[in-house]
Amino acid sequence: FPNPFNPSTTIQFRLQVSGPVSVKLFDATGKEIEQLIDATMTAGEYRIPWNASRFAAGTYFCRFQAEGQSETKKIVLVK
């Protein structure tokens, strides 16, 4: 949130169990543009800020992967 955003947003997620977590951002072509998290984390709720000021306006995708969980969300950067 917020979505659409300019120039920063917060990515929220909840882990049901502790384990490895990956949060990656992709452009509209599917190219990975940034990895926000690649770590082992404990169960709980998290908020990760993302400042996209160096990227062009457009549609991006945020992919969250963890033990038994996977989700991809569309986010829109407006300038």
PDB file of N, CA and C in Angstrom:
ATOM      1  N   PHE A   1       0.843  -1.175   0.000  1.00  0.00           N
ATOM      2  CA  PHE A   1       0.000   0.000   0.000  1.00  0.00           C
ATOM      3  C   PHE A   1       0.874   1.218   0.000  1.00  0.00           C
ATOM      4  N   PRO A   2       0.540   2.358  -0.479  1.00  0.00           N
ATOM      5  CA  PRO A   2      -0.613   2.525  -1.367  1.00  0.00           C
ATOM      6  C   PRO A   2      -0.337   1.940  -2.745  1.00  0.00           C
ATOM      7  N   ASN A   3      -1.393   1.749  -3.519  1.00  0.00           N
ATOM      8  CA  ASN A   3      -1.262   1.230  -4.864  1.00  0.00           C
ATOM      9  C   ASN A   3      -2.374   1.835  -5.702  1.00  0.00           C
ATOM     10  N   PRO A   4      -2.143   2.682  -6.675  1.00  0.00           N
ATOM     11  CA  PRO A   4      -0.847   3.091  -7.205  1.00  0.00           C
ATOM     12  C   PRO A   4      -0.073   3.962  -6.214  1.00  0.00           C
ATOM     13  N   PHE A   5       1.236   4.100  -6.478  1.00  0.00           N
ATOM     14  CA  PHE A   5       2.097   4.829  -5.559  1.00  0.00           C
ATOM     15  C   PHE A   5       3.073   5.725  -6.298  1.00  0.00           C
ATOM     16  N   ASN A   6       3.679   6.674  -5.566  1.00  0.00           N
ATOM     17  CA  ASN A   6       4.706   7.566  -6.091  1.00  0.00           C
ATOM     18  C   ASN A   6       5.428   8.224  -4.931  1.00  0.00           C
ATOM     19  N   PRO A   7       6.691   8.082  -4.723  1.00  0.00           N
ATOM     20  CA  PRO A   7       7.599   7.131  -5.356  1.00  0.00           C
ATOM     21  C   PRO A   7       7.849   5.897  -4.494  1.00  0.00           C
ATOM     22  N   SER A   8       7.163   5.795  -3.325  1.00  0.00           N
ATOM     23  CA  SER A   8       7.436   4.641  -2.469  1.00  0.00           C
ATOM     24  C   SER A   8       6.140   3.989  -2.007  1.00  0.00           C
ATOM     25  N   THR A   9       6.271   2.725  -1.654  1.00  0.00           N
ATOM     26  CA  THR A   9       5.138   1.943  -1.169  1.00  0.00           C
ATOM     27  C   THR A   9       5.633   0.987  -0.093  1.00  0.00           C
ATOM     28  N   THR A  10       4.711   0.349   0.595  1.00  0.00           N
ATOM     29  CA  THR A  10       5.060  -0.624   1.622  1.00  0.00           C
ATOM     30  C   THR A  10       4.445  -1.963   1.242  1.00  0.00           C
ATOM     31  N   ILE A  11       5.270  -2.992   1.259  1.00  0.00           N
ATOM     32  CA  ILE A  11       4.827  -4.347   0.934  1.00  0.00           C
ATOM     33  C   ILE A  11       4.636  -5.083   2.249  1.00  0.00           C
ATOM     34  N   GLN A  12       3.432  -5.578   2.454  1.00  0.00           N
ATOM     35  CA  GLN A  12       3.108  -6.267   3.704  1.00  0.00           C
ATOM     36  C   GLN A  12       2.905  -7.756   3.448  1.00  0.00           C
ATOM     37  N   PHE A  13       3.319  -8.569   4.412  1.00  0.00           N
ATOM     38  CA  PHE A  13       3.037  -9.996   4.320  1.00  0.00           C
ATOM     39  C   PHE A  13       3.067 -10.621   5.695  1.00  0.00           C
ATOM     40  N   ARG A  14       2.469 -11.791   5.783  1.00  0.00           N
ATOM     41  CA  ARG A  14       2.419 -12.538   7.036  1.00  0.00           C
ATOM     42  C   ARG A  14       2.964 -13.935   6.794  1.00  0.00           C
ATOM     43  N   LEU A  15       3.883 -14.360   7.639  1.00  0.00           N
ATOM     44  CA  LEU A  15       4.424 -15.718   7.574  1.00  0.00           C
ATOM     45  C   LEU A  15       3.688 -16.600   8.575  1.00  0.00           C
ATOM     46  N   GLN A  16       3.198 -17.720   8.091  1.00  0.00           N
ATOM     47  CA  GLN A  16       2.517 -18.666   8.971  1.00  0.00           C
ATOM     48  C   GLN A  16       3.511 -19.486   9.794  1.00  0.00           C
ATOM     49  N   VAL A  17       4.667 -19.778   9.178  1.00  0.00           N
ATOM     50  CA  VAL A  17       5.718 -20.544   9.853  1.00  0.00           C
ATOM     51  C   VAL A  17       7.071 -19.912   9.533  1.00  0.00           C
ATOM     52  N   SER A  18       8.030 -20.144  10.392  1.00  0.00           N
ATOM     53  CA  SER A  18       9.384 -19.644  10.150  1.00  0.00           C
ATOM     54  C   SER A  18      10.012 -20.393   8.981  1.00  0.00           C
ATOM     55  N   GLY A  19      10.898 -19.710   8.255  1.00  0.00           N
ATOM     56  CA  GLY A  19      11.572 -20.368   7.146  1.00  0.00           C
ATOM     57  C   GLY A  19      12.134 -19.367   6.165  1.00  0.00           C
ATOM     58  N   PRO A  20      12.635 -19.868   5.043  1.00  0.00           N
ATOM     59  CA  PRO A  20      13.202 -18.985   4.015  1.00  0.00           C
ATOM     60  C   PRO A  20      12.116 -18.147   3.344  1.00  0.00           C
ATOM     61  N   VAL A  21      12.461 -16.892   3.085  1.00  0.00           N
ATOM     62  CA  VAL A  21      11.525 -15.946   2.468  1.00  0.00           C
ATOM     63  C   VAL A  21      12.235 -15.224   1.331  1.00  0.00           C
ATOM     64  N   SER A  22      11.503 -15.021   0.237  1.00  0.00           N
ATOM     65  CA  SER A  22      12.011 -14.264  -0.896  1.00  0.00           C
ATOM     66  C   SER A  22      10.938 -13.271  -1.319  1.00  0.00           C
ATOM     67  N   VAL A  23      11.335 -12.008  -1.473  1.00  0.00           N
ATOM     68  CA  VAL A  23      10.451 -10.980  -2.027  1.00  0.00           C
ATOM     69  C   VAL A  23      11.214 -10.313  -3.163  1.00  0.00           C
ATOM     70  N   LYS A  24      10.686 -10.479  -4.384  1.00  0.00           N
ATOM     71  CA  LYS A  24      11.343  -9.951  -5.572  1.00  0.00           C
ATOM     72  C   LYS A  24      10.375  -9.072  -6.349  1.00  0.00           C
ATOM     73  N   LEU A  25      10.939  -8.110  -7.069  1.00  0.00           N
ATOM     74  CA  LEU A  25      10.156  -7.211  -7.904  1.00  0.00           C
ATOM     75  C   LEU A  25      10.546  -7.413  -9.363  1.00  0.00           C
ATOM     76  N   PHE A  26       9.534  -7.409 -10.236  1.00  0.00           N
ATOM     77  CA  PHE A  26       9.721  -7.642 -11.663  1.00  0.00           C
ATOM     78  C   PHE A  26       9.059  -6.528 -12.455  1.00  0.00           C
ATOM     79  N   ASP A  27       9.619  -6.216 -13.620  1.00  0.00           N
ATOM     80  CA  ASP A  27       8.973  -5.240 -14.494  1.00  0.00           C
ATOM     81  C   ASP A  27       7.904  -5.959 -15.326  1.00  0.00           C
ATOM     82  N   ALA A  28       7.233  -5.229 -16.193  1.00  0.00           N
ATOM     83  CA  ALA A  28       6.130  -5.788 -16.985  1.00  0.00           C
ATOM     84  C   ALA A  28       6.579  -6.869 -17.961  1.00  0.00           C
ATOM     85  N   THR A  29       7.888  -6.908 -18.299  1.00  0.00           N
ATOM     86  CA  THR A  29       8.390  -7.935 -19.214  1.00  0.00           C
ATOM     87  C   THR A  29       8.779  -9.212 -18.479  1.00  0.00           C
ATOM     88  N   GLY A  30       8.726  -9.191 -17.139  1.00  0.00           N
ATOM     89  CA  GLY A  30       9.104 -10.355 -16.345  1.00  0.00           C
ATOM     90  C   GLY A  30      10.543 -10.339 -15.886  1.00  0.00           C
ATOM     91  N   LYS A  31      11.270  -9.270 -16.190  1.00  0.00           N
ATOM     92  CA  LYS A  31      12.663  -9.150 -15.771  1.00  0.00           C
ATOM     93  C   LYS A  31      12.727  -8.762 -14.293  1.00  0.00           C
ATOM     94  N   GLU A  32      13.528  -9.508 -13.529  1.00  0.00           N
ATOM     95  CA  GLU A  32      13.716  -9.170 -12.115  1.00  0.00           C
ATOM     96  C   GLU A  32      14.477  -7.847 -12.022  1.00  0.00           C
ATOM     97  N   ILE A  33      13.914  -6.899 -11.282  1.00  0.00           N
ATOM     98  CA  ILE A  33      14.568  -5.595 -11.154  1.00  0.00           C
ATOM     99  C   ILE A  33      15.157  -5.365  -9.766  1.00  0.00           C
ATOM    100  N   GLU A  34      14.659  -6.080  -8.768  1.00  0.00           N
ATOM    101  CA  GLU A  34      15.184  -5.894  -7.419  1.00  0.00           C
ATOM    102  C   GLU A  34      14.732  -7.038  -6.515  1.00  0.00           C
ATOM    103  N   GLN A  35      15.623  -7.424  -5.604  1.00  0.00           N
ATOM    104  CA  GLN A  35      15.270  -8.417  -4.593  1.00  0.00           C
ATOM    105  C   GLN A  35      15.275  -7.706  -3.250  1.00  0.00           C
ATOM    106  N   LEU A  36      14.115  -7.658  -2.601  1.00  0.00           N
ATOM    107  CA  LEU A  36      14.002  -6.958  -1.328  1.00  0.00           C
ATOM    108  C   LEU A  36      14.383  -7.837  -0.149  1.00  0.00           C
ATOM    109  N   ILE A  37      14.059  -9.132  -0.246  1.00  0.00           N
ATOM    110  CA  ILE A  37      14.362 -10.061   0.848  1.00  0.00           C
ATOM    111  C   ILE A  37      14.800 -11.392   0.272  1.00  0.00           C
ATOM    112  N   ASP A  38      15.815 -11.969   0.890  1.00  0.00           N
ATOM    113  CA  ASP A  38      16.239 -13.343   0.642  1.00  0.00           C
ATOM    114  C   ASP A  38      16.872 -13.799   1.942  1.00  0.00           C
ATOM    115  N   ALA A  39      16.022 -14.249   2.878  1.00  0.00           N
ATOM    116  CA  ALA A  39      16.511 -14.540   4.226  1.00  0.00           C
ATOM    117  C   ALA A  39      15.588 -15.532   4.920  1.00  0.00           C
ATOM    118  N   THR A  40      16.078 -16.099   5.989  1.00  0.00           N
ATOM    119  CA  THR A  40      15.251 -16.921   6.863  1.00  0.00           C
ATOM    120  C   THR A  40      14.619 -15.992   7.891  1.00  0.00           C
ATOM    121  N   MET A  41      13.291 -16.094   8.021  1.00  0.00           N
ATOM    122  CA  MET A  41      12.561 -15.199   8.914  1.00  0.00           C
ATOM    123  C   MET A  41      11.639 -16.005   9.816  1.00  0.00           C
ATOM    124  N   THR A  42      11.308 -15.438  10.957  1.00  0.00           N
ATOM    125  CA  THR A  42      10.395 -16.094  11.894  1.00  0.00           C
ATOM    126  C   THR A  42       8.952 -15.773  11.515  1.00  0.00           C
ATOM    127  N   ALA A  43       8.029 -16.595  11.979  1.00  0.00           N
ATOM    128  CA  ALA A  43       6.607 -16.376  11.715  1.00  0.00           C
ATOM    129  C   ALA A  43       6.191 -15.015  12.265  1.00  0.00           C
ATOM    130  N   GLY A  44       5.277 -14.355  11.556  1.00  0.00           N
ATOM    131  CA  GLY A  44       4.796 -13.056  12.005  1.00  0.00           C
ATOM    132  C   GLY A  44       4.439 -12.166  10.839  1.00  0.00           C
ATOM    133  N   GLU A  45       4.118 -10.905  11.159  1.00  0.00           N
ATOM    134  CA  GLU A  45       3.746  -9.916  10.155  1.00  0.00           C
ATOM    135  C   GLU A  45       4.917  -8.988   9.872  1.00  0.00           C
ATOM    136  N   TYR A  46       5.075  -8.626   8.592  1.00  0.00           N
ATOM    137  CA  TYR A  46       6.200  -7.784   8.181  1.00  0.00           C
ATOM    138  C   TYR A  46       5.721  -6.693   7.233  1.00  0.00           C
ATOM    139  N   ARG A  47       6.428  -5.574   7.253  1.00  0.00           N
ATOM    140  CA  ARG A  47       6.210  -4.455   6.331  1.00  0.00           C
ATOM    141  C   ARG A  47       7.571  -4.075   5.762  1.00  0.00           C
ATOM    142  N   ILE A  48       7.676  -4.120   4.442  1.00  0.00           N
ATOM    143  CA  ILE A  48       8.931  -3.829   3.769  1.00  0.00           C
ATOM    144  C   ILE A  48       8.733  -2.604   2.872  1.00  0.00           C
ATOM    145  N   PRO A  49       9.465  -1.509   3.111  1.00  0.00           N
ATOM    146  CA  PRO A  49       9.333  -0.343   2.248  1.00  0.00           C
ATOM    147  C   PRO A  49      10.076  -0.552   0.925  1.00  0.00           C
ATOM    148  N   TRP A  50       9.527   0.015  -0.144  1.00  0.00           N
ATOM    149  CA  TRP A  50      10.204  -0.003  -1.439  1.00  0.00           C
ATOM    150  C   TRP A  50      10.144   1.390  -2.037  1.00  0.00           C
ATOM    151  N   ASN A  51      11.314   1.979  -2.246  1.00  0.00           N
ATOM    152  CA  ASN A  51      11.413   3.280  -2.886  1.00  0.00           C
ATOM    153  C   ASN A  51      11.752   3.045  -4.351  1.00  0.00           C
ATOM    154  N   ALA A  52      10.824   3.407  -5.228  1.00  0.00           N
ATOM    155  CA  ALA A  52      10.976   3.152  -6.664  1.00  0.00           C
ATOM    156  C   ALA A  52      11.334   4.409  -7.437  1.00  0.00           C
ATOM    157  N   SER A  53      11.903   5.392  -6.774  1.00  0.00           N
ATOM    158  CA  SER A  53      12.185   6.672  -7.436  1.00  0.00           C
ATOM    159  C   SER A  53      13.147   6.535  -8.612  1.00  0.00           C
ATOM    160  N   ARG A  54      13.960   5.492  -8.646  1.00  0.00           N
ATOM    161  CA  ARG A  54      14.913   5.339  -9.750  1.00  0.00           C
ATOM    162  C   ARG A  54      14.333   4.553 -10.932  1.00  0.00           C
ATOM    163  N   PHE A  55      13.082   4.112 -10.805  1.00  0.00           N
ATOM    164  CA  PHE A  55      12.434   3.345 -11.868  1.00  0.00           C
ATOM    165  C   PHE A  55      11.413   4.202 -12.616  1.00  0.00           C
ATOM    166  N   ALA A  56      11.130   3.820 -13.846  1.00  0.00           N
ATOM    167  CA  ALA A  56      10.150   4.523 -14.673  1.00  0.00           C
ATOM    168  C   ALA A  56       8.732   4.205 -14.202  1.00  0.00           C
ATOM    169  N   ALA A  57       7.820   5.104 -14.489  1.00  0.00           N
ATOM    170  CA  ALA A  57       6.409   4.856 -14.201  1.00  0.00           C
ATOM    171  C   ALA A  57       5.958   3.619 -14.967  1.00  0.00           C
ATOM    172  N   GLY A  58       5.059   2.853 -14.378  1.00  0.00           N
ATOM    173  CA  GLY A  58       4.548   1.670 -15.055  1.00  0.00           C
ATOM    174  C   GLY A  58       4.063   0.620 -14.089  1.00  0.00           C
ATOM    175  N   THR A  59       3.778  -0.537 -14.636  1.00  0.00           N
ATOM    176  CA  THR A  59       3.278  -1.666 -13.858  1.00  0.00           C
ATOM    177  C   THR A  59       4.438  -2.578 -13.472  1.00  0.00           C
ATOM    178  N   TYR A  60       4.456  -2.984 -12.219  1.00  0.00           N
ATOM    179  CA  TYR A  60       5.470  -3.887 -11.687  1.00  0.00           C
ATOM    180  C   TYR A  60       4.760  -5.018 -10.957  1.00  0.00           C
ATOM    181  N   PHE A  61       5.508  -6.081 -10.707  1.00  0.00           N
ATOM    182  CA  PHE A  61       4.945  -7.225 -10.004  1.00  0.00           C
ATOM    183  C   PHE A  61       5.846  -7.574  -8.826  1.00  0.00           C
ATOM    184  N   CYS A  62       5.217  -7.811  -7.684  1.00  0.00           N
ATOM    185  CA  CYS A  62       5.930  -8.182  -6.471  1.00  0.00           C
ATOM    186  C   CYS A  62       5.607  -9.646  -6.182  1.00  0.00           C
ATOM    187  N   ARG A  63       6.658 -10.488  -6.141  1.00  0.00           N
ATOM    188  CA  ARG A  63       6.457 -11.913  -5.873  1.00  0.00           C
ATOM    189  C   ARG A  63       7.007 -12.257  -4.492  1.00  0.00           C
ATOM    190  N   PHE A  64       6.137 -12.781  -3.665  1.00  0.00           N
ATOM    191  CA  PHE A  64       6.467 -13.233  -2.316  1.00  0.00           C
ATOM    192  C   PHE A  64       6.470 -14.755  -2.325  1.00  0.00           C
ATOM    193  N   GLN A  65       7.553 -15.357  -1.815  1.00  0.00           N
ATOM    194  CA  GLN A  65       7.617 -16.809  -1.697  1.00  0.00           C
ATOM    195  C   GLN A  65       8.161 -17.168  -0.324  1.00  0.00           C
ATOM    196  N   ALA A  66       7.499 -18.136   0.301  1.00  0.00           N
ATOM    197  CA  ALA A  66       7.926 -18.646   1.601  1.00  0.00           C
ATOM    198  C   ALA A  66       7.483 -20.097   1.704  1.00  0.00           C
ATOM    199  N   GLU A  67       7.857 -20.737   2.770  1.00  0.00           N
ATOM    200  CA  GLU A  67       7.506 -22.136   3.013  1.00  0.00           C
ATOM    201  C   GLU A  67       5.993 -22.332   2.865  1.00  0.00           C
ATOM    202  N   GLY A  68       5.570 -22.994   1.800  1.00  0.00           N
ATOM    203  CA  GLY A  68       4.153 -23.277   1.601  1.00  0.00           C
ATOM    204  C   GLY A  68       3.313 -22.083   1.187  1.00  0.00           C
ATOM    205  N   GLN A  69       3.927 -20.959   0.881  1.00  0.00           N
ATOM    206  CA  GLN A  69       3.196 -19.762   0.486  1.00  0.00           C
ATOM    207  C   GLN A  69       3.838 -19.153  -0.748  1.00  0.00           C
ATOM    208  N   SER A  70       3.005 -18.649  -1.654  1.00  0.00           N
ATOM    209  CA  SER A  70       3.498 -17.940  -2.825  1.00  0.00           C
ATOM    210  C   SER A  70       2.393 -17.016  -3.308  1.00  0.00           C
ATOM    211  N   GLU A  71       2.764 -15.772  -3.611  1.00  0.00           N
ATOM    212  CA  GLU A  71       1.773 -14.806  -4.076  1.00  0.00           C
ATOM    213  C   GLU A  71       2.460 -13.748  -4.929  1.00  0.00           C
ATOM    214  N   THR A  72       1.790 -13.342  -5.999  1.00  0.00           N
ATOM    215  CA  THR A  72       2.287 -12.274  -6.854  1.00  0.00           C
ATOM    216  C   THR A  72       1.213 -11.199  -6.939  1.00  0.00           C
ATOM    217  N   LYS A  73       1.619  -9.947  -6.718  1.00  0.00           N
ATOM    218  CA  LYS A  73       0.696  -8.810  -6.764  1.00  0.00           C
ATOM    219  C   LYS A  73       1.183  -7.789  -7.779  1.00  0.00           C
ATOM    220  N   LYS A  74       0.233  -7.187  -8.477  1.00  0.00           N
ATOM    221  CA  LYS A  74       0.535  -6.111  -9.409  1.00  0.00           C
ATOM    222  C   LYS A  74       0.573  -4.803  -8.626  1.00  0.00           C
ATOM    223  N   ILE A  75       1.606  -3.998  -8.875  1.00  0.00           N
ATOM    224  CA  ILE A  75       1.704  -2.664  -8.271  1.00  0.00           C
ATOM    225  C   ILE A  75       1.995  -1.659  -9.376  1.00  0.00           C
ATOM    226  N   VAL A  76       1.462  -0.455  -9.223  1.00  0.00           N
ATOM    227  CA  VAL A  76       1.564   0.561 -10.273  1.00  0.00           C
ATOM    228  C   VAL A  76       2.282   1.789  -9.737  1.00  0.00           C
ATOM    229  N   LEU A  77       3.372   2.142 -10.416  1.00  0.00           N
ATOM    230  CA  LEU A  77       4.140   3.344 -10.088  1.00  0.00           C
ATOM    231  C   LEU A  77       3.698   4.459 -11.023  1.00  0.00           C
ATOM    232  N   VAL A  78       3.226   5.576 -10.442  1.00  0.00           N
ATOM    233  CA  VAL A  78       2.838   6.739 -11.243  1.00  0.00           C
ATOM    234  C   VAL A  78       3.792   7.871 -10.921  1.00  0.00           C
ATOM    235  N   LYS A  79       4.119   8.666 -11.914  1.00  0.00           N
ATOM    236  CA  LYS A  79       5.019   9.807 -11.703  1.00  0.00           C
ATOM    237  C   LYS A  79       4.421  11.041 -12.311  1.00  0.00           C
TER     238      LYS A  79
END
